Each structure stands twice: as structure tokens, then as C-alpha cells.
């Protein structure tokens, strides 16, 4: 997939940016299918495994304002490398206040920053590759810090 620049990511998130909010951070991430689902396809042959993995991978642009997280699930444009996004499948905004008390995972490794919060239909999970762009790792870590701080505040308030 051709790389999205910051302006393109901001444009994708603009329709769900609440009035009065300013987008502070934006990052690109993916959610790949479970490896146990992929192993049989790779065992049969490499090409079907690669194709299946690409078809089942979800692509996200995530943004953060002062009070909200915005998410856009996008479809890559595989036919052309000139434009990265074929379509926007879904967009939504989540109030950072609603993250309090929800399960969350935020961690950064040498290659990926992982961000997950919530459960079920309202949950979100993605990994952000540091090599997607020069700023993707820093932006994802900033978003992750906000997620972690929002969920940790409630725990501190209880004690």
C-alpha cells in the first residue's frame, strides 16, 4: 500500500472530528488475522497464504484530539500505487472519558506499537509499524499514552 501522509490521514478523520476539537496526533495501523488461521493457508502454499492474509488484514487511521479518539477503517487501493485509499469502510469517534475502566493494552516494542482498548463490538485493536513513516511511531506512542492515561486515571482515583 502506498503510504499516507499526515494531511491525507487528517482528511480521512475530519468527518468524525467533533466540533471544537483539533486533531493532535494521527497514525496508521493494521490488525492482522490470527496466526492460527493463517498457518493452514501458508502450509498449502505461500501465495494463497499471502493473499488470504492481505484480504483479512484491516487497515486503520487513528487520530487523537484533546477529548476524543477518531478511527477510520480504510480499504487499500491495490490496483494503483498512486492513491493509497480505495474506500473508507467505517469511521467513528470515541470519547476518551469512556475508556476509563475498560481493559486496555498499550506497549511499544522495537518494531510495533500495540494499542487495544475495550471489548466486543466496541473494542479496538491494532499495531502500528514504526517504518510506515518517519512520524508513525511517535504519533502511535502519543495516542497510546493518552489511552493508557485515560484508563489509569480511574484506578488512581479509587485509591
Protein backbone atom coordinates (compact mmCIF):
# COMPACT_ATOMS: atom_id res chain seq x y z
CA UNK A 1 0.00 0.00 0.00
CA UNK A 2 1.28 3.43 -0.86
CA UNK A 3 1.99 5.48 2.24
CA UNK A 4 -0.45 8.02 3.56
CA UNK A 5 0.93 11.38 4.53
CA UNK A 6 -0.22 13.35 7.56
CA UNK A 7 -2.55 15.56 5.51
CA UNK A 8 -4.30 12.52 3.99
CA UNK A 9 -4.74 10.92 7.42
CA UNK A 10 -6.19 14.15 8.80
CA UNK A 11 -8.61 14.36 5.84
CA UNK A 12 -9.79 10.79 6.49
CA UNK A 13 -10.51 11.60 10.15
CA UNK A 14 -12.04 15.07 9.63
CA UNK A 15 -15.66 13.87 9.14
CA UNK A 16 -15.77 12.37 12.67
CA UNK A 17 -13.76 15.07 14.42
CA UNK A 18 -16.20 16.62 16.92
CA UNK A 19 -16.87 20.35 16.66
CA UNK A 20 -14.37 22.45 18.57
CA UNK A 21 -11.75 19.68 18.66
CA UNK A 22 -8.36 19.84 16.94
CA UNK A 23 -6.58 16.73 15.74
CA UNK A 24 -3.31 16.44 17.66
CA UNK A 25 -1.95 13.07 16.50
CA UNK A 26 -2.65 10.65 13.63
CA UNK A 27 -1.12 7.24 12.88
CA UNK A 28 -1.63 4.30 10.52
CA UNK A 29 -2.09 0.79 11.92
CA UNK A 30 -3.25 -2.68 10.96
CA UNK A 31 -4.97 -5.63 12.56
CA UNK A 32 -3.89 -8.89 11.03
CA UNK A 33 -5.80 -12.14 11.36
CA UNK A 34 -4.91 -14.71 13.99
CA UNK A 35 -1.77 -16.68 13.04
CA UNK A 36 -3.60 -19.97 13.67
CA UNK A 37 -5.97 -19.06 10.87
CA UNK A 38 -3.09 -18.25 8.54
CA UNK A 39 -0.87 -21.29 9.14
CA UNK A 40 -3.01 -23.75 7.14
CA UNK A 41 -3.04 -21.40 4.14
CA UNK A 42 0.74 -20.96 4.30
CA UNK A 43 1.16 -24.73 4.71
CA UNK A 44 -0.72 -25.32 1.45
CA UNK A 45 1.33 -22.79 -0.45
CA UNK A 46 2.95 -19.43 0.15
CA UNK A 47 0.91 -17.43 -2.38
CA UNK A 48 -2.54 -18.40 -1.01
CA UNK A 49 -1.30 -17.60 2.49
CA UNK A 50 -0.11 -14.16 1.46
CA UNK A 51 -3.32 -13.40 -0.44
CA UNK A 52 -5.51 -14.57 2.45
CA UNK A 53 -3.51 -12.55 4.95
CA UNK A 54 -3.84 -9.41 2.82
CA UNK A 55 -7.57 -9.94 2.34
CA UNK A 56 -8.22 -10.40 6.06
CA UNK A 57 -5.96 -7.59 7.32
CA UNK A 58 -7.80 -4.49 8.50
CA UNK A 59 -6.22 -1.09 7.91
CA UNK A 60 -6.82 1.85 10.25
CA UNK A 61 -6.02 5.51 10.58
CA UNK A 62 -6.30 6.58 14.21
CA UNK A 63 -6.29 10.14 15.46
CA UNK A 64 -6.42 11.83 18.81
CA UNK A 65 -7.75 15.20 19.89
CA UNK A 66 -7.95 16.57 23.40
CA UNK A 67 -11.12 14.65 24.31
CA UNK A 68 -11.61 12.04 21.56
CA UNK A 69 -10.03 9.22 19.62
CA UNK A 70 -11.09 9.04 15.98
CA UNK A 71 -10.78 5.85 13.95
CA UNK A 72 -11.20 5.34 10.21
CA UNK A 73 -11.13 1.80 8.82
CA UNK A 74 -9.89 2.02 5.26
CA UNK A 75 -9.56 -0.28 2.27
CA UNK A 76 -6.24 -0.06 0.43
CA UNK A 77 -6.28 0.56 -3.28
CA UNK A 78 -4.36 -2.46 -4.57
CA UNK A 79 -4.83 -1.61 -8.25
CA UNK A 80 -2.81 1.59 -8.16
CA UNK A 81 0.06 2.79 -6.02
CA UNK A 82 -0.80 6.45 -6.75
CA UNK A 83 -3.67 6.66 -4.26
CA UNK A 84 -3.46 4.69 -1.05
CA UNK A 85 -7.13 4.56 -0.06
CA UNK A 86 -9.79 2.88 -2.16
CA UNK A 87 -12.64 3.44 0.30
CA UNK A 88 -13.39 4.28 3.89
CA UNK A 89 -15.28 1.34 5.38
CA UNK A 90 -16.20 2.98 8.65
CA UNK A 91 -15.39 5.99 10.82
CA UNK A 92 -16.13 6.60 14.47
CA UNK A 93 -15.12 8.74 17.41
CA UNK A 94 -14.66 7.51 20.98
CA UNK A 95 -14.69 9.86 23.94
CA UNK A 96 -11.50 9.42 25.94
CA UNK A 97 -13.61 9.60 29.11
CA UNK A 98 -15.42 6.39 28.10
CA UNK A 99 -12.10 4.50 28.15
CA UNK A 100 -11.92 4.71 31.93
CA UNK A 101 -12.39 1.30 33.47
CA UNK A 102 -12.12 -0.54 30.16
CA UNK A 103 -9.47 -3.19 29.57
CA UNK A 104 -6.53 -1.85 27.58
CA UNK A 105 -3.16 -2.83 26.21
CA UNK A 106 -0.54 -0.30 25.21
CA UNK A 107 3.01 -1.41 24.54
CA UNK A 108 5.87 -0.47 22.26
CA UNK A 109 8.45 -2.89 21.01
CA UNK A 110 11.35 -2.49 18.61
CA UNK A 111 9.07 -2.66 15.54
CA UNK A 112 5.43 -2.23 16.57
CA UNK A 113 3.39 -0.11 18.94
CA UNK A 114 0.30 -2.06 20.01
CA UNK A 115 -2.86 -0.29 21.13
CA UNK A 116 -6.03 -2.07 22.24
CA UNK A 117 -8.95 -0.98 24.36
CA UNK A 118 -12.47 -2.14 25.11
CA UNK A 119 -14.08 -5.50 24.43
CA UNK A 120 -16.50 -6.98 21.93
CA UNK A 121 -18.04 -4.81 19.23
CA UNK A 122 -16.88 -1.62 20.96
CA UNK A 123 -13.29 -2.81 21.25
CA UNK A 124 -10.37 -1.72 19.13
CA UNK A 125 -7.04 -3.38 18.49
CA UNK A 126 -4.25 -2.51 16.05
CA UNK A 127 -0.50 -2.46 15.68
CA UNK A 128 1.42 0.48 14.29
CA UNK A 129 4.65 -0.21 12.39
CA UNK A 130 7.48 2.21 13.04
CA UNK A 131 8.65 2.11 9.41
CA UNK A 132 5.32 3.23 7.90
CA UNK A 133 6.52 6.83 8.10
CA UNK A 134 9.04 8.92 9.99
CA UNK A 135 6.40 10.03 12.46
CA UNK A 136 4.20 6.92 12.74
CA UNK A 137 5.95 5.51 15.82
CA UNK A 138 5.94 8.83 17.73
CA UNK A 139 2.31 9.51 16.79
CA UNK A 140 1.20 5.99 17.79
CA UNK A 141 3.08 6.22 21.09
CA UNK A 142 1.43 9.59 21.82
CA UNK A 143 -2.02 8.11 21.12
CA UNK A 144 -1.14 5.08 23.25
CA UNK A 145 -0.06 7.33 26.13
CA UNK A 146 -3.45 9.05 26.06
CA UNK A 147 -5.25 5.68 26.05
CA UNK A 148 -3.14 4.43 28.93
CA UNK A 149 -3.53 7.64 30.95
CA UNK A 150 -7.32 7.64 30.45
CA UNK A 151 -7.69 4.08 31.68
CA UNK A 152 -5.20 4.53 34.54
CA UNK A 153 -6.88 7.68 35.93
CA UNK A 154 -9.87 5.73 37.23
CA UNK A 155 -7.63 3.24 39.01
CA UNK A 156 -5.73 6.07 40.72
CA UNK A 157 -8.99 7.76 41.72
CA UNK A 158 -10.19 4.62 43.52
CA UNK A 159 -7.20 4.52 45.88
